[in-house]
């Protein structure tokens, strides 16, 4: 399992959530976004919307699977 911490940069409202879900579909690994005590599967649009992704917030990205390194790095780059 790979974990990365990231502070969210500029967001684009609902498009940010859609882009996160779309990005997750490119990887085989299980990718989770964790904020405070809430976690969401990055493939779940409802889950990501429920935790909210807003500028300046801190997230932990976890990825577990065959392409976990590249998945975690892609999410880090996308959210920073």
PDB file of N, CA and C in Angstrom:
ATOM      1  N   UNK A   1       0.835  -1.176   0.000  1.00  0.00           N
ATOM      2  CA  UNK A   1       0.000   0.000   0.000  1.00  0.00           C
ATOM      3  C   UNK A   1       0.882   1.242   0.000  1.00  0.00           C
ATOM      4  N   UNK A   2       0.464   2.224  -0.784  1.00  0.00           N
ATOM      5  CA  UNK A   2       1.169   3.496  -0.878  1.00  0.00           C
ATOM      6  C   UNK A   2       0.261   4.578  -0.315  1.00  0.00           C
ATOM      7  N   UNK A   3       0.833   5.474   0.485  1.00  0.00           N
ATOM      8  CA  UNK A   3       0.082   6.606   1.022  1.00  0.00           C
ATOM      9  C   UNK A   3       0.817   7.897   0.683  1.00  0.00           C
ATOM     10  N   UNK A   4       0.049   8.903   0.303  1.00  0.00           N
ATOM     11  CA  UNK A   4       0.615  10.227   0.028  1.00  0.00           C
ATOM     12  C   UNK A   4      -0.296  11.267   0.649  1.00  0.00           C
ATOM     13  N   UNK A   5       0.303  12.318   1.182  1.00  0.00           N
ATOM     14  CA  UNK A   5      -0.457  13.437   1.712  1.00  0.00           C
ATOM     15  C   UNK A   5      -0.412  14.568   0.701  1.00  0.00           C
ATOM     16  N   UNK A   6      -1.550  15.238   0.537  1.00  0.00           N
ATOM     17  CA  UNK A   6      -1.613  16.326  -0.431  1.00  0.00           C
ATOM     18  C   UNK A   6      -2.538  17.422   0.084  1.00  0.00           C
ATOM     19  N   UNK A   7      -2.165  18.653  -0.212  1.00  0.00           N
ATOM     20  CA  UNK A   7      -3.032  19.804   0.046  1.00  0.00           C
ATOM     21  C   UNK A   7      -3.641  20.176  -1.295  1.00  0.00           C
ATOM     22  N   UNK A   8      -4.967  20.188  -1.356  1.00  0.00           N
ATOM     23  CA  UNK A   8      -5.677  20.403  -2.614  1.00  0.00           C
ATOM     24  C   UNK A   8      -5.430  21.817  -3.126  1.00  0.00           C
ATOM     25  N   UNK A   9      -5.104  21.897  -4.405  1.00  0.00           N
ATOM     26  CA  UNK A   9      -4.918  23.180  -5.066  1.00  0.00           C
ATOM     27  C   UNK A   9      -6.252  23.706  -5.568  1.00  0.00           C
ATOM     28  N   UNK A  10      -6.243  24.387  -6.656  1.00  0.00           N
ATOM     29  CA  UNK A  10      -7.452  24.987  -7.220  1.00  0.00           C
ATOM     30  C   UNK A  10      -8.414  23.897  -7.689  1.00  0.00           C
ATOM     31  N   UNK A  11      -9.678  24.028  -7.319  1.00  0.00           N
ATOM     32  CA  UNK A  11     -10.699  23.070  -7.741  1.00  0.00           C
ATOM     33  C   UNK A  11     -11.680  23.734  -8.700  1.00  0.00           C
ATOM     34  N   UNK A  12     -12.441  22.891  -9.369  1.00  0.00           N
ATOM     35  CA  UNK A  12     -13.388  23.358 -10.373  1.00  0.00           C
ATOM     36  C   UNK A  12     -14.786  22.798 -10.084  1.00  0.00           C
ATOM     37  N   UNK A  13     -15.193  22.855  -8.821  1.00  0.00           N
ATOM     38  CA  UNK A  13     -16.521  22.408  -8.437  1.00  0.00           C
ATOM     39  C   UNK A  13     -16.774  20.943  -8.743  1.00  0.00           C
ATOM     40  N   UNK A  14     -17.931  20.662  -9.325  1.00  0.00           N
ATOM     41  CA  UNK A  14     -18.319  19.282  -9.636  1.00  0.00           C
ATOM     42  C   UNK A  14     -17.401  18.643 -10.671  1.00  0.00           C
ATOM     43  N   UNK A  15     -16.775  19.431 -11.496  1.00  0.00           N
ATOM     44  CA  UNK A  15     -15.843  18.878 -12.484  1.00  0.00           C
ATOM     45  C   UNK A  15     -14.660  18.212 -11.809  1.00  0.00           C
ATOM     46  N   UNK A  16     -14.240  18.746 -10.692  1.00  0.00           N
ATOM     47  CA  UNK A  16     -13.133  18.143  -9.953  1.00  0.00           C
ATOM     48  C   UNK A  16     -13.495  16.735  -9.521  1.00  0.00           C
ATOM     49  N   UNK A  17     -14.696  16.557  -9.011  1.00  0.00           N
ATOM     50  CA  UNK A  17     -15.150  15.234  -8.584  1.00  0.00           C
ATOM     51  C   UNK A  17     -15.208  14.290  -9.779  1.00  0.00           C
ATOM     52  N   UNK A  18     -15.769  14.746 -10.878  1.00  0.00           N
ATOM     53  CA  UNK A  18     -15.867  13.906 -12.081  1.00  0.00           C
ATOM     54  C   UNK A  18     -14.489  13.514 -12.591  1.00  0.00           C
ATOM     55  N   UNK A  19     -13.542  14.443 -12.539  1.00  0.00           N
ATOM     56  CA  UNK A  19     -12.181  14.143 -13.001  1.00  0.00           C
ATOM     57  C   UNK A  19     -11.498  13.130 -12.093  1.00  0.00           C
ATOM     58  N   UNK A  20     -11.775  13.184 -10.800  1.00  0.00           N
ATOM     59  CA  UNK A  20     -11.202  12.221  -9.857  1.00  0.00           C
ATOM     60  C   UNK A  20     -11.698  10.813 -10.184  1.00  0.00           C
ATOM     61  N   UNK A  21     -13.003  10.678 -10.385  1.00  0.00           N
ATOM     62  CA  UNK A  21     -13.590   9.376 -10.704  1.00  0.00           C
ATOM     63  C   UNK A  21     -13.058   8.865 -12.042  1.00  0.00           C
ATOM     64  N   UNK A  22     -12.951   9.752 -12.998  1.00  0.00           N
ATOM     65  CA  UNK A  22     -12.426   9.372 -14.308  1.00  0.00           C
ATOM     66  C   UNK A  22     -10.964   8.923 -14.199  1.00  0.00           C
ATOM     67  N   UNK A  23     -10.168   9.629 -13.430  1.00  0.00           N
ATOM     68  CA  UNK A  23      -8.772   9.272 -13.232  1.00  0.00           C
ATOM     69  C   UNK A  23      -8.658   7.896 -12.566  1.00  0.00           C
ATOM     70  N   UNK A  24      -9.501   7.634 -11.593  1.00  0.00           N
ATOM     71  CA  UNK A  24      -9.468   6.347 -10.890  1.00  0.00           C
ATOM     72  C   UNK A  24      -9.745   5.182 -11.831  1.00  0.00           C
ATOM     73  N   UNK A  25     -10.552   5.406 -12.838  1.00  0.00           N
ATOM     74  CA  UNK A  25     -10.892   4.325 -13.769  1.00  0.00           C
ATOM     75  C   UNK A  25      -9.692   3.895 -14.616  1.00  0.00           C
ATOM     76  N   UNK A  26      -8.631   4.681 -14.621  1.00  0.00           N
ATOM     77  CA  UNK A  26      -7.429   4.345 -15.386  1.00  0.00           C
ATOM     78  C   UNK A  26      -6.511   3.373 -14.662  1.00  0.00           C
ATOM     79  N   UNK A  27      -6.819   3.048 -13.401  1.00  0.00           N
ATOM     80  CA  UNK A  27      -5.935   2.221 -12.591  1.00  0.00           C
ATOM     81  C   UNK A  27      -6.662   1.001 -12.048  1.00  0.00           C
ATOM     82  N   UNK A  28      -5.913  -0.073 -11.855  1.00  0.00           N
ATOM     83  CA  UNK A  28      -6.470  -1.307 -11.303  1.00  0.00           C
ATOM     84  C   UNK A  28      -6.497  -1.271  -9.776  1.00  0.00           C
ATOM     85  N   UNK A  29      -5.630  -0.487  -9.177  1.00  0.00           N
ATOM     86  CA  UNK A  29      -5.520  -0.419  -7.728  1.00  0.00           C
ATOM     87  C   UNK A  29      -6.772   0.168  -7.088  1.00  0.00           C
ATOM     88  N   UNK A  30      -6.981  -0.207  -5.827  1.00  0.00           N
ATOM     89  CA  UNK A  30      -8.039   0.409  -5.025  1.00  0.00           C
ATOM     90  C   UNK A  30      -7.484   1.730  -4.522  1.00  0.00           C
ATOM     91  N   UNK A  31      -8.159   2.820  -4.830  1.00  0.00           N
ATOM     92  CA  UNK A  31      -7.684   4.155  -4.472  1.00  0.00           C
ATOM     93  C   UNK A  31      -8.710   4.788  -3.540  1.00  0.00           C
ATOM     94  N   UNK A  32      -8.229   5.230  -2.392  1.00  0.00           N
ATOM     95  CA  UNK A  32      -9.098   5.857  -1.399  1.00  0.00           C
ATOM     96  C   UNK A  32      -8.615   7.276  -1.135  1.00  0.00           C
ATOM     97  N   UNK A  33      -9.569   8.169  -0.920  1.00  0.00           N
ATOM     98  CA  UNK A  33      -9.273   9.531  -0.498  1.00  0.00           C
ATOM     99  C   UNK A  33      -9.762   9.662   0.941  1.00  0.00           C
ATOM    100  N   UNK A  34      -8.880  10.127   1.826  1.00  0.00           N
ATOM    101  CA  UNK A  34      -9.206  10.229   3.241  1.00  0.00           C
ATOM    102  C   UNK A  34      -9.055  11.674   3.682  1.00  0.00           C
ATOM    103  N   UNK A  35     -10.121  12.181   4.308  1.00  0.00           N
ATOM    104  CA  UNK A  35     -10.112  13.552   4.830  1.00  0.00           C
ATOM    105  C   UNK A  35     -10.665  13.501   6.245  1.00  0.00           C
ATOM    106  N   UNK A  36      -9.861  13.925   7.206  1.00  0.00           N
ATOM    107  CA  UNK A  36     -10.246  13.853   8.619  1.00  0.00           C
ATOM    108  C   UNK A  36     -10.634  12.419   8.953  1.00  0.00           C
ATOM    109  N   UNK A  37     -11.858  12.171   9.348  1.00  0.00           N
ATOM    110  CA  UNK A  37     -12.270  10.811   9.695  1.00  0.00           C
ATOM    111  C   UNK A  37     -13.174  10.200   8.624  1.00  0.00           C
ATOM    112  N   UNK A  38     -13.191  10.792   7.438  1.00  0.00           N
ATOM    113  CA  UNK A  38     -14.027  10.295   6.343  1.00  0.00           C
ATOM    114  C   UNK A  38     -13.140   9.749   5.230  1.00  0.00           C
ATOM    115  N   UNK A  39     -13.628   8.692   4.571  1.00  0.00           N
ATOM    116  CA  UNK A  39     -12.895   8.096   3.458  1.00  0.00           C
ATOM    117  C   UNK A  39     -13.863   7.794   2.330  1.00  0.00           C
ATOM    118  N   UNK A  40     -13.362   7.872   1.101  1.00  0.00           N
ATOM    119  CA  UNK A  40     -14.188   7.579  -0.064  1.00  0.00           C
ATOM    120  C   UNK A  40     -13.372   6.830  -1.097  1.00  0.00           C
ATOM    121  N   UNK A  41     -14.012   5.853  -1.707  1.00  0.00           N
ATOM    122  CA  UNK A  41     -13.422   5.159  -2.837  1.00  0.00           C
ATOM    123  C   UNK A  41     -13.387   6.148  -3.997  1.00  0.00           C
ATOM    124  N   UNK A  42     -12.239   6.315  -4.613  1.00  0.00           N
ATOM    125  CA  UNK A  42     -12.096   7.307  -5.683  1.00  0.00           C
ATOM    126  C   UNK A  42     -12.919   6.967  -6.925  1.00  0.00           C
ATOM    127  N   UNK A  43     -13.414   5.738  -7.025  1.00  0.00           N
ATOM    128  CA  UNK A  43     -14.263   5.344  -8.156  1.00  0.00           C
ATOM    129  C   UNK A  43     -15.735   5.666  -7.921  1.00  0.00           C
ATOM    130  N   UNK A  44     -16.069   6.107  -6.722  1.00  0.00           N
ATOM    131  CA  UNK A  44     -17.457   6.386  -6.357  1.00  0.00           C
ATOM    132  C   UNK A  44     -17.731   7.884  -6.403  1.00  0.00           C
ATOM    133  N   UNK A  45     -18.499   8.306  -7.385  1.00  0.00           N
ATOM    134  CA  UNK A  45     -18.795   9.734  -7.504  1.00  0.00           C
ATOM    135  C   UNK A  45     -19.566  10.226  -6.282  1.00  0.00           C
ATOM    136  N   UNK A  46     -20.480   9.398  -5.772  1.00  0.00           N
ATOM    137  CA  UNK A  46     -21.247   9.789  -4.585  1.00  0.00           C
ATOM    138  C   UNK A  46     -20.346   9.861  -3.350  1.00  0.00           C
ATOM    139  N   UNK A  47     -19.422   8.927  -3.234  1.00  0.00           N
ATOM    140  CA  UNK A  47     -18.499   8.938  -2.104  1.00  0.00           C
ATOM    141  C   UNK A  47     -17.604  10.158  -2.107  1.00  0.00           C
ATOM    142  N   UNK A  48     -17.057  10.479  -3.263  1.00  0.00           N
ATOM    143  CA  UNK A  48     -16.167  11.643  -3.371  1.00  0.00           C
ATOM    144  C   UNK A  48     -16.950  12.925  -3.134  1.00  0.00           C
ATOM    145  N   UNK A  49     -18.171  12.983  -3.646  1.00  0.00           N
ATOM    146  CA  UNK A  49     -19.005  14.165  -3.402  1.00  0.00           C
ATOM    147  C   UNK A  49     -19.333  14.299  -1.915  1.00  0.00           C
ATOM    148  N   UNK A  50     -19.554  13.172  -1.242  1.00  0.00           N
ATOM    149  CA  UNK A  50     -19.925  13.193   0.174  1.00  0.00           C
ATOM    150  C   UNK A  50     -18.814  13.758   1.053  1.00  0.00           C
ATOM    151  N   UNK A  51     -17.555  13.428   0.745  1.00  0.00           N
ATOM    152  CA  UNK A  51     -16.478  13.965   1.585  1.00  0.00           C
ATOM    153  C   UNK A  51     -16.091  15.378   1.155  1.00  0.00           C
ATOM    154  N   UNK A  52     -16.390  15.732  -0.103  1.00  0.00           N
ATOM    155  CA  UNK A  52     -16.090  17.076  -0.593  1.00  0.00           C
ATOM    156  C   UNK A  52     -14.609  17.275  -0.865  1.00  0.00           C
ATOM    157  N   UNK A  53     -14.314  17.905  -1.972  1.00  0.00           N
ATOM    158  CA  UNK A  53     -12.923  18.192  -2.348  1.00  0.00           C
ATOM    159  C   UNK A  53     -12.846  19.694  -2.620  1.00  0.00           C
ATOM    160  N   UNK A  54     -12.271  20.398  -1.657  1.00  0.00           N
ATOM    161  CA  UNK A  54     -12.219  21.857  -1.749  1.00  0.00           C
ATOM    162  C   UNK A  54     -10.782  22.357  -1.631  1.00  0.00           C
ATOM    163  N   UNK A  55     -10.547  23.475  -2.247  1.00  0.00           N
ATOM    164  CA  UNK A  55      -9.226  24.095  -2.245  1.00  0.00           C
ATOM    165  C   UNK A  55      -8.719  24.303  -0.822  1.00  0.00           C
ATOM    166  N   UNK A  56      -7.467  23.944  -0.610  1.00  0.00           N
ATOM    167  CA  UNK A  56      -6.810  24.163   0.676  1.00  0.00           C
ATOM    168  C   UNK A  56      -6.969  23.033   1.678  1.00  0.00           C
ATOM    169  N   UNK A  57      -7.783  22.035   1.375  1.00  0.00           N
ATOM    170  CA  UNK A  57      -7.974  20.923   2.303  1.00  0.00           C
ATOM    171  C   UNK A  57      -6.842  19.908   2.172  1.00  0.00           C
ATOM    172  N   UNK A  58      -6.597  19.202   3.259  1.00  0.00           N
ATOM    173  CA  UNK A  58      -5.571  18.167   3.273  1.00  0.00           C
ATOM    174  C   UNK A  58      -6.213  16.795   3.123  1.00  0.00           C
ATOM    175  N   UNK A  59      -5.644  15.987   2.253  1.00  0.00           N
ATOM    176  CA  UNK A  59      -6.125  14.637   1.994  1.00  0.00           C
ATOM    177  C   UNK A  59      -4.981  13.661   2.112  1.00  0.00           C
ATOM    178  N   UNK A  60      -5.339  12.432   2.462  1.00  0.00           N
ATOM    179  CA  UNK A  60      -4.408  11.319   2.349  1.00  0.00           C
ATOM    180  C   UNK A  60      -4.919  10.466   1.203  1.00  0.00           C
ATOM    181  N   UNK A  61      -4.034  10.157   0.283  1.00  0.00           N
ATOM    182  CA  UNK A  61      -4.354   9.281  -0.847  1.00  0.00           C
ATOM    183  C   UNK A  61      -3.758   7.921  -0.507  1.00  0.00           C
ATOM    184  N   UNK A  62      -4.568   6.874  -0.583  1.00  0.00           N
ATOM    185  CA  UNK A  62      -4.034   5.531  -0.417  1.00  0.00           C
ATOM    186  C   UNK A  62      -4.337   4.739  -1.678  1.00  0.00           C
ATOM    187  N   UNK A  63      -3.373   3.959  -2.098  1.00  0.00           N
ATOM    188  CA  UNK A  63      -3.541   3.108  -3.279  1.00  0.00           C
ATOM    189  C   UNK A  63      -2.964   1.741  -2.949  1.00  0.00           C
ATOM    190  N   UNK A  64      -3.724   0.709  -3.317  1.00  0.00           N
ATOM    191  CA  UNK A  64      -3.283  -0.647  -3.045  1.00  0.00           C
ATOM    192  C   UNK A  64      -3.605  -1.519  -4.253  1.00  0.00           C
ATOM    193  N   UNK A  65      -2.563  -2.093  -4.839  1.00  0.00           N
ATOM    194  CA  UNK A  65      -2.751  -2.955  -6.000  1.00  0.00           C
ATOM    195  C   UNK A  65      -1.517  -2.983  -6.869  1.00  0.00           C
ATOM    196  N   UNK A  66      -1.680  -3.532  -8.050  1.00  0.00           N
ATOM    197  CA  UNK A  66      -0.538  -3.757  -8.941  1.00  0.00           C
ATOM    198  C   UNK A  66       0.092  -2.470  -9.458  1.00  0.00           C
ATOM    199  N   UNK A  67      -0.704  -1.418  -9.591  1.00  0.00           N
ATOM    200  CA  UNK A  67      -0.175  -0.149 -10.099  1.00  0.00           C
ATOM    201  C   UNK A  67      -0.284   0.969  -9.053  1.00  0.00           C
ATOM    202  N   UNK A  68      -0.129   0.598  -7.789  1.00  0.00           N
ATOM    203  CA  UNK A  68      -0.339   1.535  -6.690  1.00  0.00           C
ATOM    204  C   UNK A  68       0.587   2.746  -6.727  1.00  0.00           C
ATOM    205  N   UNK A  69       1.842   2.546  -7.085  1.00  0.00           N
ATOM    206  CA  UNK A  69       2.795   3.666  -7.125  1.00  0.00           C
ATOM    207  C   UNK A  69       2.356   4.720  -8.140  1.00  0.00           C
ATOM    208  N   UNK A  70       2.062   4.287  -9.347  1.00  0.00           N
ATOM    209  CA  UNK A  70       1.671   5.242 -10.389  1.00  0.00           C
ATOM    210  C   UNK A  70       0.306   5.850 -10.100  1.00  0.00           C
ATOM    211  N   UNK A  71      -0.602   5.089  -9.508  1.00  0.00           N
ATOM    212  CA  UNK A  71      -1.929   5.616  -9.169  1.00  0.00           C
ATOM    213  C   UNK A  71      -1.814   6.706  -8.107  1.00  0.00           C
ATOM    214  N   UNK A  72      -1.079   6.441  -7.053  1.00  0.00           N
ATOM    215  CA  UNK A  72      -0.922   7.424  -5.980  1.00  0.00           C
ATOM    216  C   UNK A  72      -0.250   8.690  -6.499  1.00  0.00           C
ATOM    217  N   UNK A  73       0.756   8.531  -7.335  1.00  0.00           N
ATOM    218  CA  UNK A  73       1.450   9.700  -7.895  1.00  0.00           C
ATOM    219  C   UNK A  73       0.531  10.511  -8.798  1.00  0.00           C
ATOM    220  N   UNK A  74      -0.273   9.832  -9.614  1.00  0.00           N
ATOM    221  CA  UNK A  74      -1.206  10.538 -10.514  1.00  0.00           C
ATOM    222  C   UNK A  74      -2.229  11.328  -9.713  1.00  0.00           C
ATOM    223  N   UNK A  75      -2.737  10.760  -8.639  1.00  0.00           N
ATOM    224  CA  UNK A  75      -3.704  11.478  -7.808  1.00  0.00           C
ATOM    225  C   UNK A  75      -3.054  12.636  -7.084  1.00  0.00           C
ATOM    226  N   UNK A  76      -1.834  12.440  -6.615  1.00  0.00           N
ATOM    227  CA  UNK A  76      -1.112  13.520  -5.968  1.00  0.00           C
ATOM    228  C   UNK A  76      -0.952  14.704  -6.919  1.00  0.00           C
ATOM    229  N   UNK A  77      -0.493  14.414  -8.134  1.00  0.00           N
ATOM    230  CA  UNK A  77      -0.275  15.470  -9.124  1.00  0.00           C
ATOM    231  C   UNK A  77      -1.589  16.147  -9.514  1.00  0.00           C
ATOM    232  N   UNK A  78      -2.643  15.379  -9.595  1.00  0.00           N
ATOM    233  CA  UNK A  78      -3.945  15.925 -10.005  1.00  0.00           C
ATOM    234  C   UNK A  78      -4.520  16.861  -8.921  1.00  0.00           C
ATOM    235  N   UNK A  79      -4.347  16.492  -7.662  1.00  0.00           N
ATOM    236  CA  UNK A  79      -4.968  17.263  -6.588  1.00  0.00           C
ATOM    237  C   UNK A  79      -4.132  18.439  -6.094  1.00  0.00           C
ATOM    238  N   UNK A  80      -2.836  18.394  -6.285  1.00  0.00           N
ATOM    239  CA  UNK A  80      -2.003  19.475  -5.720  1.00  0.00           C
ATOM    240  C   UNK A  80      -2.188  20.796  -6.417  1.00  0.00           C
TER     241      UNK A  80
END
